[in-house]
Amino acid sequence: APAAMALQGRSLAEVCAQIKDEDRNGARTLDDIVKHTATDPLVVWAWTPGAGREPAPGTHATFLALVKAWVATGAVCPAGGVHR
């Protein structure tokens, strides 16, 4: 991902706001975000990064289920985030 899309060092509210902001998320709607997290090779790669790299915690299936649930329940951000 481009450096401008980096999430490290940001609060949960900032990450949430960035994910929902179409000006900073690749012009994706919430439905697009679900599709992106389900199929984008770079997202999926996080759980199968290859030799010498630590995979993301949990499973891609669990991550996708959580993203779907978040979107289905209104995609609310924690305090300080953007509520659209």
C-alpha atoms as a PDB file:
ATOM      1  CA  ALA A   1       0.000   0.000   0.000  1.00  0.00           C
ATOM      2  CA  PRO A   2       1.169   3.577  -0.537  1.00  0.00           C
ATOM      3  CA  ALA A   3       2.776   5.270   2.477  1.00  0.00           C
ATOM      4  CA  ALA A   4      -0.163   7.692   2.630  1.00  0.00           C
ATOM      5  CA  MET A   5      -2.406   4.731   3.464  1.00  0.00           C
ATOM      6  CA  ALA A   6      -0.223   3.536   6.364  1.00  0.00           C
ATOM      7  CA  LEU A   7      -2.073   2.828   9.580  1.00  0.00           C
ATOM      8  CA  GLN A   8       0.822   2.369  11.993  1.00  0.00           C
ATOM      9  CA  GLY A   9       1.122   4.970  14.737  1.00  0.00           C
ATOM     10  CA  ARG A  10      -2.477   6.124  14.389  1.00  0.00           C
ATOM     11  CA  SER A  11      -5.233   5.836  16.961  1.00  0.00           C
ATOM     12  CA  LEU A  12      -8.190   3.512  16.382  1.00  0.00           C
ATOM     13  CA  ALA A  13     -10.345   6.573  15.698  1.00  0.00           C
ATOM     14  CA  GLU A  14      -7.847   7.838  13.097  1.00  0.00           C
ATOM     15  CA  VAL A  15      -7.608   4.418  11.417  1.00  0.00           C
ATOM     16  CA  CYS A  16     -11.388   4.123  11.295  1.00  0.00           C
ATOM     17  CA  ALA A  17     -11.774   7.618   9.852  1.00  0.00           C
ATOM     18  CA  GLN A  18      -9.129   6.908   7.204  1.00  0.00           C
ATOM     19  CA  ILE A  19     -10.714   3.608   6.192  1.00  0.00           C
ATOM     20  CA  LYS A  20     -14.082   5.321   5.700  1.00  0.00           C
ATOM     21  CA  ASP A  21     -12.729   8.445   3.956  1.00  0.00           C
ATOM     22  CA  GLU A  22     -13.082   7.905   0.221  1.00  0.00           C
ATOM     23  CA  ASP A  23     -10.470  10.606  -0.417  1.00  0.00           C
ATOM     24  CA  ARG A  24      -7.919   8.487   1.467  1.00  0.00           C
ATOM     25  CA  ASN A  25      -9.092   4.906   0.892  1.00  0.00           C
ATOM     26  CA  GLY A  26      -8.890   4.610  -2.881  1.00  0.00           C
ATOM     27  CA  ALA A  27     -12.413   6.013  -3.449  1.00  0.00           C
ATOM     28  CA  ARG A  28     -14.021   2.952  -1.844  1.00  0.00           C
ATOM     29  CA  THR A  29     -17.532   2.845  -0.397  1.00  0.00           C
ATOM     30  CA  LEU A  30     -18.157   0.620   2.620  1.00  0.00           C
ATOM     31  CA  ASP A  31     -19.346  -2.160   0.283  1.00  0.00           C
ATOM     32  CA  ASP A  32     -16.179  -1.696  -1.765  1.00  0.00           C
ATOM     33  CA  ILE A  33     -14.106  -2.017   1.415  1.00  0.00           C
ATOM     34  CA  VAL A  34     -15.725  -5.396   2.128  1.00  0.00           C
ATOM     35  CA  LYS A  35     -14.948  -6.564  -1.420  1.00  0.00           C
ATOM     36  CA  HIS A  36     -11.408  -5.176  -1.197  1.00  0.00           C
ATOM     37  CA  THR A  37     -10.638  -6.923   2.090  1.00  0.00           C
ATOM     38  CA  ALA A  38     -12.110 -10.156   0.714  1.00  0.00           C
ATOM     39  CA  THR A  39     -10.200 -10.315  -2.549  1.00  0.00           C
ATOM     40  CA  ASP A  40      -7.274  -7.897  -2.773  1.00  0.00           C
ATOM     41  CA  PRO A  41      -4.087  -9.969  -3.096  1.00  0.00           C
ATOM     42  CA  LEU A  42      -2.100  -7.654  -0.812  1.00  0.00           C
ATOM     43  CA  VAL A  43      -4.729  -7.895   1.937  1.00  0.00           C
ATOM     44  CA  VAL A  44      -4.892 -11.695   1.643  1.00  0.00           C
ATOM     45  CA  TRP A  45      -1.072 -11.848   1.560  1.00  0.00           C
ATOM     46  CA  ALA A  46      -0.944 -10.534   5.138  1.00  0.00           C
ATOM     47  CA  TRP A  47      -1.971 -14.000   6.370  1.00  0.00           C
ATOM     48  CA  THR A  48       0.382 -15.888   4.028  1.00  0.00           C
ATOM     49  CA  PRO A  49       3.407 -13.587   3.683  1.00  0.00           C
ATOM     50  CA  GLY A  50       5.990 -16.261   2.919  1.00  0.00           C
ATOM     51  CA  ALA A  51       9.316 -17.219   4.422  1.00  0.00           C
ATOM     52  CA  GLY A  52      10.854 -14.900   6.988  1.00  0.00           C
ATOM     53  CA  ARG A  53       7.706 -12.868   7.599  1.00  0.00           C
ATOM     54  CA  GLU A  54       5.228 -13.045  10.448  1.00  0.00           C
ATOM     55  CA  PRO A  55       1.611 -13.512   9.321  1.00  0.00           C
ATOM     56  CA  ALA A  56      -1.094 -11.205  10.602  1.00  0.00           C
ATOM     57  CA  PRO A  57      -2.781 -12.531  13.738  1.00  0.00           C
ATOM     58  CA  GLY A  58      -5.890 -14.677  13.392  1.00  0.00           C
ATOM     59  CA  THR A  59      -7.163 -15.691   9.979  1.00  0.00           C
ATOM     60  CA  HIS A  60      -8.263 -13.850   6.893  1.00  0.00           C
ATOM     61  CA  ALA A  61     -11.712 -15.425   7.268  1.00  0.00           C
ATOM     62  CA  THR A  62     -12.086 -14.017  10.787  1.00  0.00           C
ATOM     63  CA  PHE A  63     -10.848 -10.595   9.662  1.00  0.00           C
ATOM     64  CA  LEU A  64     -13.340 -10.563   6.787  1.00  0.00           C
ATOM     65  CA  ALA A  65     -16.190 -11.601   9.091  1.00  0.00           C
ATOM     66  CA  LEU A  66     -15.312  -8.731  11.437  1.00  0.00           C
ATOM     67  CA  VAL A  67     -15.177  -6.200   8.569  1.00  0.00           C
ATOM     68  CA  LYS A  68     -18.561  -7.416   7.296  1.00  0.00           C
ATOM     69  CA  ALA A  69     -20.073  -7.181  10.793  1.00  0.00           C
ATOM     70  CA  TRP A  70     -18.636  -3.670  11.284  1.00  0.00           C
ATOM     71  CA  VAL A  71     -20.139  -2.470   7.995  1.00  0.00           C
ATOM     72  CA  ALA A  72     -23.469  -4.232   8.633  1.00  0.00           C
ATOM     73  CA  THR A  73     -23.833  -2.541  12.023  1.00  0.00           C
ATOM     74  CA  GLY A  74     -23.172   0.981  10.770  1.00  0.00           C
ATOM     75  CA  ALA A  75     -19.361   1.186  10.535  1.00  0.00           C
ATOM     76  CA  VAL A  76     -19.220   3.319  13.674  1.00  0.00           C
ATOM     77  CA  CYS A  77     -15.841   4.730  14.645  1.00  0.00           C
ATOM     78  CA  PRO A  78     -14.622   4.976  18.233  1.00  0.00           C
ATOM     79  CA  ALA A  79     -14.742   8.387  19.939  1.00  0.00           C
ATOM     80  CA  GLY A  80     -12.814  10.937  17.940  1.00  0.00           C
ATOM     81  CA  GLY A  81     -13.492   9.174  14.633  1.00  0.00           C
ATOM     82  CA  VAL A  82     -15.631  10.216  11.721  1.00  0.00           C
ATOM     83  CA  HIS A  83     -19.278   9.116  11.802  1.00  0.00           C
ATOM     84  CA  ARG A  84     -20.731   9.210   8.292  1.00  0.00           C
END
